[in-house]
Amino acid sequence: MRGKVIITIVLTLLLDHASAQTDKAEADLIIYEMLTAKNITENWHPSVVIQEKQLKETNEKGVFIVPGDSFQIKSLRSDFYVRQEKGQWTPINDARYPMETMVNLLLNHITNNQHMLEICHHQYGQKSPKITIPMQDLYDLLARNMNLYCSVTFINEHEIRAILVFHQRSLNFIHMLELKIKTKKLFDVDSTIYGDFYTNIPQNNVKDIFREKKIKKK
């Protein structure tokens, strides 16, 4: 219970700062301090009711898409992937499906996420400290009050690259991560995903960021 209270207080403070037009330097610092506080124990995941009639088939037998929404561009979406296991629809987490697994991981639908996250936090004033945290901490702190969208921008047998966006709808800003991991490492316990983290970005910048990014599969 104490963890929930701490998270609620911190998030309320963050939103109060943003609504009061806190400058970007201070807003970035708040995010940094939240992520490095190391007091998160929530393991929060979205509650999703999957209705079979809404599922869309894929080219992979037995794999279905749970349709979501797009954010500003078609490839940045909240769709995720499921299959039926023991009579229940379960998010894909399988080495045979690295792209689908990566999407489900980024959208916080894999409940046993044990990956570490090593990111360079690009802050106002050209500050860029490194942060190493359990990946789930990021969702415990930010995902509850934000919408998530992702796009796998490159994938082959060696590496996966992707974009993850947290969108705060009422305040119209985003946090964005550019991430990469070795494809085989995606299925190793306690492996590390590397990337760059950009916080408190005006949502209008999304289209510019994606202008030259295309989905590639080899």
N, C-alpha and C. Protein backbone atom coordinates (compact mmCIF):
# COMPACT_ATOMS: atom_id res chain seq x y z
N MET A 1 0.83 -1.21 0.00
CA MET A 1 0.00 0.00 0.00
C MET A 1 0.86 1.25 0.00
N ARG A 2 1.98 1.23 0.75
CA ARG A 2 2.84 2.39 0.82
C ARG A 2 3.38 2.77 -0.55
N GLY A 3 3.74 1.72 -1.35
CA GLY A 3 4.25 1.97 -2.69
C GLY A 3 3.22 2.69 -3.54
N LYS A 4 1.94 2.29 -3.42
CA LYS A 4 0.88 2.92 -4.21
C LYS A 4 0.72 4.38 -3.81
N VAL A 5 0.82 4.67 -2.50
CA VAL A 5 0.69 6.04 -2.04
C VAL A 5 1.81 6.90 -2.58
N ILE A 6 3.04 6.38 -2.53
CA ILE A 6 4.20 7.12 -3.02
C ILE A 6 4.05 7.44 -4.49
N ILE A 7 3.64 6.43 -5.28
CA ILE A 7 3.48 6.64 -6.72
C ILE A 7 2.40 7.68 -6.99
N THR A 8 1.27 7.59 -6.28
CA THR A 8 0.18 8.54 -6.49
C THR A 8 0.63 9.96 -6.19
N ILE A 9 1.36 10.13 -5.08
CA ILE A 9 1.82 11.46 -4.70
C ILE A 9 2.79 12.02 -5.73
N VAL A 10 3.74 11.19 -6.16
CA VAL A 10 4.73 11.67 -7.11
C VAL A 10 4.10 12.03 -8.44
N LEU A 11 3.18 11.19 -8.92
CA LEU A 11 2.52 11.48 -10.19
C LEU A 11 1.66 12.74 -10.09
N THR A 12 1.00 12.93 -8.95
CA THR A 12 0.20 14.14 -8.76
C THR A 12 1.09 15.37 -8.80
N LEU A 13 2.24 15.28 -8.15
CA LEU A 13 3.18 16.40 -8.18
C LEU A 13 3.65 16.69 -9.58
N LEU A 14 3.94 15.61 -10.34
CA LEU A 14 4.41 15.78 -11.72
C LEU A 14 3.36 16.49 -12.55
N LEU A 15 2.11 16.05 -12.47
CA LEU A 15 1.05 16.65 -13.26
C LEU A 15 0.79 18.09 -12.82
N ASP A 16 0.90 18.36 -11.51
CA ASP A 16 0.73 19.73 -11.03
C ASP A 16 1.81 20.64 -11.59
N HIS A 17 3.03 20.13 -11.64
CA HIS A 17 4.13 20.92 -12.20
C HIS A 17 3.86 21.23 -13.66
N ALA A 18 3.45 20.20 -14.40
CA ALA A 18 3.23 20.39 -15.84
C ALA A 18 2.11 21.38 -16.07
N SER A 19 1.01 21.24 -15.34
CA SER A 19 -0.13 22.12 -15.55
C SER A 19 0.19 23.55 -15.16
N ALA A 20 1.16 23.73 -14.27
CA ALA A 20 1.58 25.07 -13.87
C ALA A 20 2.68 25.61 -14.77
N GLN A 21 2.91 24.94 -15.91
CA GLN A 21 3.89 25.37 -16.91
C GLN A 21 5.31 25.38 -16.35
N THR A 22 5.63 24.37 -15.60
CA THR A 22 7.00 24.19 -15.14
C THR A 22 7.92 24.12 -16.34
N ASP A 23 9.09 24.75 -16.26
CA ASP A 23 9.98 24.72 -17.42
C ASP A 23 10.51 23.32 -17.62
N LYS A 24 10.98 23.05 -18.83
CA LYS A 24 11.35 21.69 -19.22
C LYS A 24 12.49 21.14 -18.37
N ALA A 25 13.42 21.98 -17.98
CA ALA A 25 14.55 21.52 -17.18
C ALA A 25 14.08 20.90 -15.88
N GLU A 26 13.13 21.55 -15.21
CA GLU A 26 12.63 21.03 -13.95
C GLU A 26 11.77 19.79 -14.17
N ALA A 27 10.94 19.81 -15.23
CA ALA A 27 10.09 18.65 -15.52
C ALA A 27 10.94 17.42 -15.84
N ASP A 28 12.02 17.60 -16.61
CA ASP A 28 12.93 16.49 -16.91
C ASP A 28 13.58 15.96 -15.63
N LEU A 29 13.96 16.86 -14.75
CA LEU A 29 14.60 16.44 -13.51
C LEU A 29 13.65 15.64 -12.63
N ILE A 30 12.37 16.01 -12.63
CA ILE A 30 11.38 15.26 -11.85
C ILE A 30 11.30 13.82 -12.34
N ILE A 31 11.25 13.64 -13.67
CA ILE A 31 11.21 12.29 -14.23
C ILE A 31 12.46 11.51 -13.83
N TYR A 32 13.61 12.14 -13.94
CA TYR A 32 14.88 11.49 -13.58
C TYR A 32 14.87 11.03 -12.13
N GLU A 33 14.43 11.90 -11.24
CA GLU A 33 14.42 11.56 -9.82
C GLU A 33 13.41 10.45 -9.52
N MET A 34 12.29 10.44 -10.23
CA MET A 34 11.31 9.37 -10.06
C MET A 34 11.91 8.02 -10.44
N LEU A 35 12.62 7.99 -11.57
CA LEU A 35 13.15 6.73 -12.08
C LEU A 35 14.32 6.21 -11.27
N THR A 36 15.03 7.09 -10.60
CA THR A 36 16.21 6.66 -9.84
C THR A 36 15.92 6.49 -8.35
N ALA A 37 14.66 6.68 -7.94
CA ALA A 37 14.31 6.58 -6.53
C ALA A 37 14.36 5.14 -6.03
N LYS A 38 14.15 4.18 -6.95
CA LYS A 38 14.26 2.75 -6.62
C LYS A 38 13.34 2.31 -5.47
N ASN A 39 12.11 2.78 -5.49
CA ASN A 39 11.16 2.36 -4.44
C ASN A 39 9.87 1.83 -5.04
N ILE A 40 9.95 1.28 -6.25
CA ILE A 40 8.76 0.85 -6.96
C ILE A 40 8.57 -0.66 -6.81
N THR A 41 7.37 -1.06 -6.43
CA THR A 41 7.09 -2.50 -6.27
C THR A 41 5.72 -2.86 -6.85
N GLU A 42 5.18 -2.03 -7.73
CA GLU A 42 3.81 -2.20 -8.17
C GLU A 42 3.59 -3.38 -9.11
N ASN A 43 4.47 -3.56 -10.10
CA ASN A 43 4.26 -4.53 -11.18
C ASN A 43 2.89 -4.33 -11.81
N TRP A 44 2.65 -3.07 -12.25
CA TRP A 44 1.34 -2.70 -12.80
C TRP A 44 1.24 -3.04 -14.28
N HIS A 45 0.09 -3.60 -14.66
CA HIS A 45 -0.19 -3.92 -16.06
C HIS A 45 -1.63 -3.51 -16.36
N PRO A 46 -1.92 -3.14 -17.61
CA PRO A 46 -3.28 -2.73 -17.94
C PRO A 46 -4.24 -3.92 -17.86
N SER A 47 -5.45 -3.62 -17.43
CA SER A 47 -6.49 -4.64 -17.40
C SER A 47 -7.19 -4.63 -18.76
N VAL A 48 -7.13 -5.75 -19.46
CA VAL A 48 -7.67 -5.81 -20.82
C VAL A 48 -8.67 -6.95 -20.92
N VAL A 49 -9.86 -6.65 -21.41
CA VAL A 49 -10.86 -7.67 -21.69
C VAL A 49 -10.83 -7.96 -23.19
N ILE A 50 -10.44 -9.18 -23.55
CA ILE A 50 -10.30 -9.54 -24.96
C ILE A 50 -11.59 -10.20 -25.45
N GLN A 51 -12.19 -9.58 -26.44
CA GLN A 51 -13.39 -10.13 -27.05
C GLN A 51 -13.04 -10.76 -28.39
N GLU A 52 -13.34 -12.04 -28.50
CA GLU A 52 -12.91 -12.81 -29.67
C GLU A 52 -13.39 -12.20 -30.99
N LYS A 53 -14.58 -11.63 -31.00
CA LYS A 53 -15.12 -11.08 -32.24
C LYS A 53 -14.35 -9.86 -32.73
N GLN A 54 -13.54 -9.27 -31.87
CA GLN A 54 -12.77 -8.09 -32.26
C GLN A 54 -11.38 -8.45 -32.78
N LEU A 55 -10.96 -9.69 -32.60
CA LEU A 55 -9.61 -10.09 -32.99
C LEU A 55 -9.44 -10.11 -34.50
N LYS A 56 -8.23 -9.79 -34.94
CA LYS A 56 -7.91 -9.82 -36.36
C LYS A 56 -6.83 -10.86 -36.62
N GLU A 57 -6.99 -11.62 -37.69
CA GLU A 57 -6.00 -12.64 -38.04
C GLU A 57 -4.70 -12.01 -38.53
N THR A 58 -3.60 -12.75 -38.36
CA THR A 58 -2.31 -12.35 -38.91
C THR A 58 -1.86 -13.43 -39.89
N ASN A 59 -0.69 -13.24 -40.46
CA ASN A 59 -0.12 -14.24 -41.37
C ASN A 59 0.40 -15.47 -40.63
N GLU A 60 0.52 -15.36 -39.30
CA GLU A 60 0.99 -16.48 -38.48
C GLU A 60 -0.20 -17.26 -37.95
N LYS A 61 -0.20 -18.56 -38.19
CA LYS A 61 -1.32 -19.39 -37.75
C LYS A 61 -1.48 -19.34 -36.23
N GLY A 62 -2.68 -19.06 -35.78
CA GLY A 62 -2.98 -19.04 -34.36
C GLY A 62 -2.62 -17.75 -33.65
N VAL A 63 -2.04 -16.79 -34.37
CA VAL A 63 -1.66 -15.51 -33.77
C VAL A 63 -2.65 -14.45 -34.23
N PHE A 64 -3.19 -13.70 -33.28
CA PHE A 64 -4.20 -12.69 -33.59
C PHE A 64 -3.80 -11.33 -33.04
N ILE A 65 -4.32 -10.29 -33.68
CA ILE A 65 -4.09 -8.92 -33.23
C ILE A 65 -5.29 -8.45 -32.41
N VAL A 66 -5.01 -7.87 -31.27
CA VAL A 66 -6.03 -7.14 -30.53
C VAL A 66 -5.92 -5.68 -30.99
N PRO A 67 -6.90 -5.21 -31.78
CA PRO A 67 -6.77 -3.87 -32.39
C PRO A 67 -6.76 -2.77 -31.34
N GLY A 68 -5.89 -1.78 -31.59
CA GLY A 68 -5.84 -0.62 -30.72
C GLY A 68 -6.01 0.64 -31.55
N ASP A 69 -5.30 1.67 -31.18
CA ASP A 69 -5.37 2.95 -31.87
C ASP A 69 -4.00 3.33 -32.40
N SER A 70 -3.98 4.28 -33.32
CA SER A 70 -2.72 4.86 -33.78
C SER A 70 -2.57 6.24 -33.16
N PHE A 71 -1.33 6.71 -33.14
CA PHE A 71 -1.05 8.03 -32.59
C PHE A 71 -0.26 8.85 -33.61
N GLN A 72 -0.95 9.72 -34.30
CA GLN A 72 -0.39 10.67 -35.25
C GLN A 72 0.11 10.05 -36.55
N ILE A 73 0.75 8.87 -36.48
CA ILE A 73 1.16 8.17 -37.70
C ILE A 73 0.67 6.73 -37.62
N LYS A 74 0.47 6.10 -38.77
CA LYS A 74 -0.15 4.78 -38.81
C LYS A 74 0.67 3.71 -38.11
N SER A 75 2.01 3.80 -38.18
CA SER A 75 2.85 2.73 -37.64
C SER A 75 3.03 2.80 -36.13
N LEU A 76 2.64 3.89 -35.51
CA LEU A 76 2.78 4.03 -34.06
C LEU A 76 1.43 3.67 -33.44
N ARG A 77 1.34 2.46 -32.87
CA ARG A 77 0.03 1.90 -32.53
C ARG A 77 0.04 1.26 -31.14
N SER A 78 -1.17 0.98 -30.68
CA SER A 78 -1.35 0.28 -29.40
C SER A 78 -1.87 -1.15 -29.59
N ASP A 79 -1.87 -1.65 -30.85
CA ASP A 79 -2.24 -3.05 -31.10
C ASP A 79 -1.28 -3.99 -30.35
N PHE A 80 -1.78 -5.14 -29.92
CA PHE A 80 -0.87 -6.16 -29.39
C PHE A 80 -1.34 -7.54 -29.86
N TYR A 81 -0.54 -8.56 -29.57
CA TYR A 81 -0.71 -9.88 -30.18
C TYR A 81 -1.02 -10.95 -29.14
N VAL A 82 -1.97 -11.83 -29.49
CA VAL A 82 -2.37 -12.89 -28.57
C VAL A 82 -2.53 -14.22 -29.30
N ARG A 83 -2.56 -15.28 -28.52
CA ARG A 83 -2.95 -16.60 -29.03
C ARG A 83 -3.68 -17.31 -27.90
N GLN A 84 -4.35 -18.37 -28.25
CA GLN A 84 -5.13 -19.09 -27.25
C GLN A 84 -4.29 -20.17 -26.60
N GLU A 85 -4.26 -20.15 -25.28
CA GLU A 85 -3.54 -21.15 -24.50
C GLU A 85 -4.45 -21.63 -23.36
N LYS A 86 -4.72 -22.92 -23.34
CA LYS A 86 -5.56 -23.52 -22.30
C LYS A 86 -6.89 -22.80 -22.18
N GLY A 87 -7.45 -22.44 -23.34
CA GLY A 87 -8.76 -21.82 -23.37
C GLY A 87 -8.78 -20.34 -23.07
N GLN A 88 -7.61 -19.72 -22.91
CA GLN A 88 -7.55 -18.29 -22.62
C GLN A 88 -6.70 -17.57 -23.66
N TRP A 89 -7.07 -16.33 -23.95
CA TRP A 89 -6.28 -15.51 -24.86
C TRP A 89 -5.11 -14.90 -24.09
N THR A 90 -3.89 -15.23 -24.54
CA THR A 90 -2.68 -14.86 -23.81
C THR A 90 -1.75 -14.05 -24.71
N PRO A 91 -1.18 -12.94 -24.23
CA PRO A 91 -0.22 -12.19 -25.03
C PRO A 91 0.97 -13.05 -25.45
N ILE A 92 1.39 -12.89 -26.70
CA ILE A 92 2.51 -13.67 -27.24
C ILE A 92 3.81 -13.33 -26.53
N ASN A 93 4.51 -14.37 -26.09
CA ASN A 93 5.86 -14.23 -25.52
C ASN A 93 6.61 -15.51 -25.90
N ASP A 94 7.13 -15.53 -27.13
CA ASP A 94 7.61 -16.77 -27.72
C ASP A 94 8.73 -16.45 -28.70
N ALA A 95 9.83 -17.19 -28.60
CA ALA A 95 11.00 -16.94 -29.45
C ALA A 95 10.70 -17.11 -30.94
N ARG A 96 9.63 -17.81 -31.27
CA ARG A 96 9.25 -17.95 -32.68
C ARG A 96 8.65 -16.67 -33.24
N TYR A 97 8.26 -15.76 -32.34
CA TYR A 97 7.60 -14.53 -32.75
C TYR A 97 8.27 -13.32 -32.09
N PRO A 98 9.49 -12.98 -32.50
CA PRO A 98 10.21 -11.88 -31.84
C PRO A 98 9.55 -10.52 -32.00
N MET A 99 9.01 -10.23 -33.18
CA MET A 99 8.38 -8.93 -33.38
C MET A 99 7.15 -8.78 -32.50
N GLU A 100 6.30 -9.81 -32.50
CA GLU A 100 5.08 -9.78 -31.70
C GLU A 100 5.40 -9.70 -30.21
N THR A 101 6.43 -10.43 -29.80
CA THR A 101 6.85 -10.41 -28.40
C THR A 101 7.37 -9.03 -28.00
N MET A 102 8.16 -8.42 -28.87
CA MET A 102 8.70 -7.09 -28.59
C MET A 102 7.57 -6.07 -28.41
N VAL A 103 6.58 -6.12 -29.29
CA VAL A 103 5.43 -5.21 -29.18
C VAL A 103 4.71 -5.42 -27.86
N ASN A 104 4.44 -6.66 -27.51
CA ASN A 104 3.73 -6.95 -26.26
C ASN A 104 4.52 -6.49 -25.04
N LEU A 105 5.84 -6.67 -25.11
CA LEU A 105 6.70 -6.23 -24.01
C LEU A 105 6.64 -4.72 -23.86
N LEU A 106 6.78 -4.00 -24.96
CA LEU A 106 6.81 -2.54 -24.90
C LEU A 106 5.48 -1.96 -24.44
N LEU A 107 4.38 -2.62 -24.79
CA LEU A 107 3.06 -2.11 -24.40
C LEU A 107 2.62 -2.63 -23.03
N ASN A 108 3.55 -3.29 -22.33
CA ASN A 108 3.33 -3.71 -20.94
C ASN A 108 2.26 -4.79 -20.79
N HIS A 109 2.22 -5.70 -21.76
CA HIS A 109 1.26 -6.80 -21.69
C HIS A 109 1.92 -8.12 -21.26
N ILE A 110 3.22 -8.13 -21.03
CA ILE A 110 3.91 -9.34 -20.57
C ILE A 110 4.15 -9.18 -19.07
N THR A 111 3.49 -9.99 -18.30
CA THR A 111 3.43 -9.76 -16.85
C THR A 111 4.69 -10.19 -16.11
N ASN A 112 5.52 -11.02 -16.72
CA ASN A 112 6.74 -11.47 -16.05
C ASN A 112 7.97 -10.78 -16.66
N ASN A 113 7.87 -9.48 -16.90
CA ASN A 113 8.96 -8.71 -17.50
C ASN A 113 10.12 -8.58 -16.52
N GLN A 114 11.22 -9.26 -16.80
CA GLN A 114 12.40 -9.21 -15.94
C GLN A 114 13.59 -8.52 -16.62
N HIS A 115 13.34 -7.85 -17.73
CA HIS A 115 14.42 -7.16 -18.43
C HIS A 115 14.89 -5.95 -17.64
N MET A 116 16.15 -5.62 -17.83
CA MET A 116 16.69 -4.36 -17.34
C MET A 116 16.67 -3.33 -18.47
N LEU A 117 16.64 -2.08 -18.10
CA LEU A 117 16.62 -0.99 -19.06
C LEU A 117 17.82 -0.10 -18.78
N GLU A 118 18.67 0.08 -19.80
CA GLU A 118 19.82 0.99 -19.67
C GLU A 118 19.63 2.10 -20.70
N ILE A 119 19.30 3.29 -20.21
CA ILE A 119 18.93 4.37 -21.11
C ILE A 119 19.73 5.64 -20.81
N CYS A 120 19.92 6.41 -21.83
CA CYS A 120 20.52 7.74 -21.71
C CYS A 120 19.37 8.74 -21.69
N HIS A 121 19.20 9.43 -20.57
CA HIS A 121 18.08 10.35 -20.40
C HIS A 121 18.48 11.74 -20.91
N HIS A 122 17.95 12.10 -22.05
CA HIS A 122 18.30 13.39 -22.67
C HIS A 122 17.45 14.49 -22.04
N GLN A 123 18.09 15.32 -21.23
CA GLN A 123 17.40 16.36 -20.50
C GLN A 123 17.71 17.73 -21.10
N TYR A 124 16.91 18.69 -20.71
CA TYR A 124 17.13 20.08 -21.14
C TYR A 124 18.52 20.55 -20.70
N GLY A 125 19.18 21.31 -21.56
CA GLY A 125 20.51 21.81 -21.24
C GLY A 125 21.62 20.85 -21.59
N GLN A 126 21.33 19.93 -22.50
CA GLN A 126 22.31 18.94 -22.98
C GLN A 126 22.83 18.03 -21.89
N LYS A 127 22.03 17.83 -20.86
CA LYS A 127 22.37 16.84 -19.85
C LYS A 127 21.87 15.49 -20.32
N SER A 128 22.67 14.46 -20.12
CA SER A 128 22.25 13.13 -20.58
C SER A 128 22.79 12.03 -19.65
N PRO A 129 22.32 12.00 -18.41
CA PRO A 129 22.77 10.95 -17.49
C PRO A 129 22.24 9.58 -17.89
N LYS A 130 22.98 8.55 -17.55
CA LYS A 130 22.54 7.18 -17.80
C LYS A 130 21.74 6.68 -16.62
N ILE A 131 20.71 5.92 -16.93
CA ILE A 131 19.86 5.31 -15.91
C ILE A 131 19.79 3.81 -16.19
N THR A 132 20.00 3.00 -15.17
CA THR A 132 19.81 1.55 -15.29
C THR A 132 18.79 1.12 -14.24
N ILE A 133 17.66 0.63 -14.72
CA ILE A 133 16.57 0.26 -13.82
C ILE A 133 15.89 -1.00 -14.35
N PRO A 134 15.16 -1.72 -13.49
CA PRO A 134 14.28 -2.76 -14.02
C PRO A 134 13.28 -2.13 -14.99
N MET A 135 13.09 -2.73 -16.13
CA MET A 135 12.21 -2.15 -17.14
C MET A 135 10.80 -1.93 -16.60
N GLN A 136 10.32 -2.83 -15.75
CA GLN A 136 8.97 -2.71 -15.23
C GLN A 136 8.76 -1.44 -14.42
N ASP A 137 9.83 -0.92 -13.81
CA ASP A 137 9.71 0.32 -13.04
C ASP A 137 9.20 1.47 -13.89
N LEU A 138 9.62 1.50 -15.15
CA LEU A 138 9.19 2.56 -16.05
C LEU A 138 7.67 2.59 -16.19
N TYR A 139 7.08 1.41 -16.33
CA TYR A 139 5.63 1.32 -16.48
C TYR A 139 4.91 1.59 -15.15
N ASP A 140 5.50 1.11 -14.07
CA ASP A 140 4.88 1.35 -12.77
C ASP A 140 4.76 2.84 -12.48
N LEU A 141 5.74 3.61 -12.93
CA LEU A 141 5.75 5.05 -12.67
C LEU A 141 4.91 5.85 -13.66
N LEU A 142 4.94 5.47 -14.94
CA LEU A 142 4.39 6.33 -15.98
C LEU A 142 3.13 5.81 -16.66
N ALA A 143 2.99 4.50 -16.79
CA ALA A 143 1.97 3.95 -17.69
C ALA A 143 0.54 4.11 -17.17
N ARG A 144 0.36 4.17 -15.87
CA ARG A 144 -0.99 4.20 -15.31
C ARG A 144 -1.79 5.42 -15.80
N ASN A 145 -1.12 6.54 -16.00
CA ASN A 145 -1.81 7.77 -16.38
C ASN A 145 -1.49 8.23 -17.79
N MET A 146 -0.94 7.34 -18.60
CA MET A 146 -0.57 7.71 -19.96
C MET A 146 -0.97 6.60 -20.92
N ASN A 147 -1.15 6.96 -22.19
CA ASN A 147 -1.43 5.98 -23.23
C ASN A 147 -0.12 5.55 -23.89
N LEU A 148 0.00 4.25 -24.19
CA LEU A 148 1.22 3.71 -24.76
C LEU A 148 1.04 3.35 -26.23
N TYR A 149 2.05 3.67 -27.03
CA TYR A 149 2.07 3.33 -28.44
C TYR A 149 3.50 2.91 -28.79
N CYS A 150 3.64 1.96 -29.72
CA CYS A 150 4.99 1.56 -30.12
C CYS A 150 5.04 1.24 -31.61
N SER A 151 6.26 1.20 -32.10
CA SER A 151 6.51 0.82 -33.49
C SER A 151 7.84 0.10 -33.57
N VAL A 152 7.85 -1.09 -34.10
CA VAL A 152 9.10 -1.80 -34.38
C VAL A 152 9.64 -1.23 -35.68
N THR A 153 10.77 -0.55 -35.62
CA THR A 153 11.31 0.16 -36.78
C THR A 153 12.34 -0.66 -37.56
N PHE A 154 12.88 -1.69 -36.91
CA PHE A 154 13.85 -2.57 -37.60
C PHE A 154 13.88 -3.91 -36.89
N ILE A 155 13.93 -4.98 -37.67
CA ILE A 155 14.07 -6.30 -37.06
C ILE A 155 14.72 -7.25 -38.05
N ASN A 156 15.74 -7.98 -37.58
CA ASN A 156 16.27 -9.12 -38.32
C ASN A 156 16.74 -10.16 -37.29
N GLU A 157 17.50 -11.14 -37.72
CA GLU A 157 17.88 -12.19 -36.79
C GLU A 157 18.89 -11.73 -35.75
N HIS A 158 19.46 -10.55 -35.95
CA HIS A 158 20.49 -10.05 -35.04
C HIS A 158 19.99 -9.00 -34.05
N GLU A 159 19.11 -8.11 -34.48
CA GLU A 159 18.74 -6.97 -33.64
C GLU A 159 17.30 -6.52 -33.89
N ILE A 160 16.70 -5.99 -32.83
CA ILE A 160 15.39 -5.36 -32.92
C ILE A 160 15.52 -3.92 -32.43
N ARG A 161 14.94 -3.00 -33.20
CA ARG A 161 14.89 -1.60 -32.77
C ARG A 161 13.43 -1.17 -32.76
N ALA A 162 13.11 -0.31 -31.82
CA ALA A 162 11.71 0.11 -31.69
C ALA A 162 11.60 1.47 -31.04
N ILE A 163 10.44 2.08 -31.23
CA ILE A 163 10.08 3.34 -30.59
C ILE A 163 8.92 3.08 -29.64
N LEU A 164 9.01 3.62 -28.44
CA LEU A 164 7.92 3.54 -27.46
C LEU A 164 7.55 4.96 -27.05
N VAL A 165 6.26 5.26 -27.09
CA VAL A 165 5.77 6.59 -26.73
C VAL A 165 4.76 6.49 -25.58
N PHE A 166 4.95 7.31 -24.58
CA PHE A 166 3.98 7.52 -23.51
C PHE A 166 3.31 8.86 -23.79
N HIS A 167 1.99 8.86 -23.96
CA HIS A 167 1.26 10.09 -24.29
C HIS A 167 0.35 10.51 -23.15
N GLN A 168 0.56 11.72 -22.67
CA GLN A 168 -0.32 12.31 -21.67
C GLN A 168 -1.37 13.13 -22.41
N ARG A 169 -2.56 12.55 -22.55
CA ARG A 169 -3.58 13.12 -23.43
C ARG A 169 -4.04 14.50 -22.97
N SER A 170 -4.32 14.66 -21.69
CA SER A 170 -4.91 15.92 -21.22
C SER A 170 -3.92 17.07 -21.28
N LEU A 171 -2.63 16.77 -21.14
CA LEU A 171 -1.62 17.84 -21.13
C LEU A 171 -0.84 17.92 -22.44
N ASN A 172 -1.11 16.97 -23.36
CA ASN A 172 -0.54 17.02 -24.71
C ASN A 172 0.98 17.03 -24.75
N PHE A 173 1.60 16.14 -23.98
CA PHE A 173 3.04 15.95 -24.11
C PHE A 173 3.32 14.45 -24.14
N ILE A 174 4.53 14.11 -24.57
CA ILE A 174 4.92 12.71 -24.65
C ILE A 174 6.29 12.50 -24.02
N HIS A 175 6.54 11.25 -23.62
CA HIS A 175 7.89 10.76 -23.34
C HIS A 175 8.17 9.71 -24.41
N MET A 176 9.35 9.70 -24.96
CA MET A 176 9.66 8.78 -26.05
C MET A 176 10.98 8.05 -25.79
N LEU A 177 10.97 6.76 -26.09
CA LEU A 177 12.19 5.96 -25.99
C LEU A 177 12.52 5.35 -27.34
N GLU A 178 13.78 5.43 -27.73
CA GLU A 178 14.31 4.69 -28.87
C GLU A 178 15.11 3.54 -28.29
N LEU A 179 14.70 2.30 -28.58
CA LEU A 179 15.25 1.13 -27.90
C LEU A 179 15.82 0.12 -28.88
N LYS A 180 16.77 -0.68 -28.37
CA LYS A 180 17.32 -1.76 -29.18
C LYS A 180 17.77 -2.90 -28.28
N ILE A 181 17.69 -4.11 -28.84
CA ILE A 181 18.15 -5.30 -28.13
C ILE A 181 18.54 -6.35 -29.16
N LYS A 182 19.52 -7.17 -28.82
CA LYS A 182 19.85 -8.30 -29.68
C LYS A 182 18.66 -9.25 -29.70
N THR A 183 18.31 -9.71 -30.88
CA THR A 183 17.08 -10.49 -31.04
C THR A 183 17.04 -11.70 -30.10
N LYS A 184 18.13 -12.44 -30.02
CA LYS A 184 18.15 -13.61 -29.15
C LYS A 184 18.09 -13.24 -27.67
N LYS A 185 18.61 -12.08 -27.33
CA LYS A 185 18.62 -11.64 -25.93
C LYS A 185 17.21 -11.30 -25.43
N LEU A 186 16.30 -11.04 -26.36
CA LEU A 186 14.93 -10.70 -25.97
C LEU A 186 14.31 -11.80 -25.11
N PHE A 187 14.79 -13.02 -25.28
CA PHE A 187 14.18 -14.16 -24.59
C PHE A 187 15.07 -14.70 -23.47
N ASP A 188 16.13 -13.95 -23.13
CA ASP A 188 16.96 -14.32 -22.00
C ASP A 188 16.46 -13.63 -20.74
N VAL A 189 16.48 -14.34 -19.63
CA VAL A 189 16.07 -13.76 -18.36
C VAL A 189 17.09 -12.70 -17.94
N ASP A 190 16.60 -11.57 -17.47
CA ASP A 190 17.44 -10.48 -16.96
C ASP A 190 18.34 -9.85 -18.01
N SER A 191 17.99 -9.95 -19.28
CA SER A 191 18.79 -9.29 -20.30
C SER A 191 18.49 -7.78 -20.29
N THR A 192 19.32 -7.02 -20.99
CA THR A 192 19.22 -5.56 -20.95
C THR A 192 18.79 -5.00 -22.30
N ILE A 193 17.84 -4.08 -22.26
CA ILE A 193 17.43 -3.32 -23.44
C ILE A 193 18.07 -1.94 -23.33
N TYR A 194 18.69 -1.49 -24.41
CA TYR A 194 19.43 -0.22 -24.41
C TYR A 194 18.67 0.83 -25.20
N GLY A 195 18.89 2.10 -24.84
CA GLY A 195 18.21 3.12 -25.62
C GLY A 195 18.42 4.54 -25.15
N ASP A 196 17.65 5.41 -25.77
CA ASP A 196 17.65 6.84 -25.46
C ASP A 196 16.25 7.24 -25.03
N PHE A 197 16.18 8.11 -24.02
CA PHE A 197 14.93 8.50 -23.41
C PHE A 197 14.78 10.02 -23.51
N TYR A 198 13.70 10.46 -24.15
CA TYR A 198 13.42 11.88 -24.33
C TYR A 198 12.11 12.19 -23.62
N THR A 199 12.13 13.17 -22.72
CA THR A 199 10.96 13.43 -21.88
C THR A 199 10.37 14.81 -22.12
N ASN A 200 9.06 14.89 -21.85
CA ASN A 200 8.32 16.16 -21.91
C ASN A 200 8.44 16.83 -23.27
N ILE A 201 8.15 16.05 -24.31
CA ILE A 201 8.21 16.54 -25.68
C ILE A 201 6.81 16.97 -26.12
N PRO A 202 6.66 18.13 -26.76
CA PRO A 202 5.34 18.47 -27.31
C PRO A 202 4.89 17.41 -28.30
N GLN A 203 3.63 16.99 -28.22
CA GLN A 203 3.17 15.88 -29.05
C GLN A 203 3.24 16.20 -30.54
N ASN A 204 3.29 17.45 -30.92
CA ASN A 204 3.36 17.83 -32.33
C ASN A 204 4.65 17.35 -33.00
N ASN A 205 5.68 17.01 -32.21
CA ASN A 205 6.97 16.64 -32.76
C ASN A 205 7.02 15.20 -33.26
N VAL A 206 5.98 14.41 -32.99
CA VAL A 206 6.03 12.98 -33.31
C VAL A 206 6.23 12.74 -34.81
N LYS A 207 5.47 13.45 -35.64
CA LYS A 207 5.56 13.23 -37.08
C LYS A 207 6.95 13.54 -37.61
N ASP A 208 7.59 14.56 -37.08
CA ASP A 208 8.95 14.90 -37.51
C ASP A 208 9.93 13.81 -37.12
N ILE A 209 9.76 13.26 -35.92
CA ILE A 209 10.66 12.22 -35.44
C ILE A 209 10.59 10.99 -36.33
N PHE A 210 9.38 10.67 -36.81
CA PHE A 210 9.17 9.46 -37.59
C PHE A 210 9.31 9.66 -39.09
N ARG A 211 9.59 10.86 -39.52
CA ARG A 211 9.56 11.17 -40.95
C ARG A 211 10.44 10.22 -41.77
N GLU A 212 11.61 9.88 -41.24
CA GLU A 212 12.54 9.06 -42.01
C GLU A 212 12.66 7.63 -41.48
N LYS A 213 11.76 7.26 -40.57
CA LYS A 213 11.81 5.92 -40.01
C LYS A 213 10.79 5.02 -40.70
N LYS A 214 11.23 3.88 -41.17
CA LYS A 214 10.33 2.93 -41.83
C LYS A 214 10.52 1.57 -41.19
N ILE A 215 9.45 0.79 -41.17
CA ILE A 215 9.54 -0.58 -40.66
C ILE A 215 10.33 -1.43 -41.64
N LYS A 216 11.33 -2.14 -41.12
CA LYS A 216 12.15 -3.00 -41.97
C LYS A 216 12.14 -4.41 -41.39
N LYS A 217 12.00 -5.36 -42.25
CA LYS A 217 12.10 -6.77 -41.84
C LYS A 217 13.01 -7.48 -42.80
N LYS A 218 13.95 -8.23 -42.25
CA LYS A 218 14.87 -9.01 -43.08
C LYS A 218 14.86 -10.45 -42.62
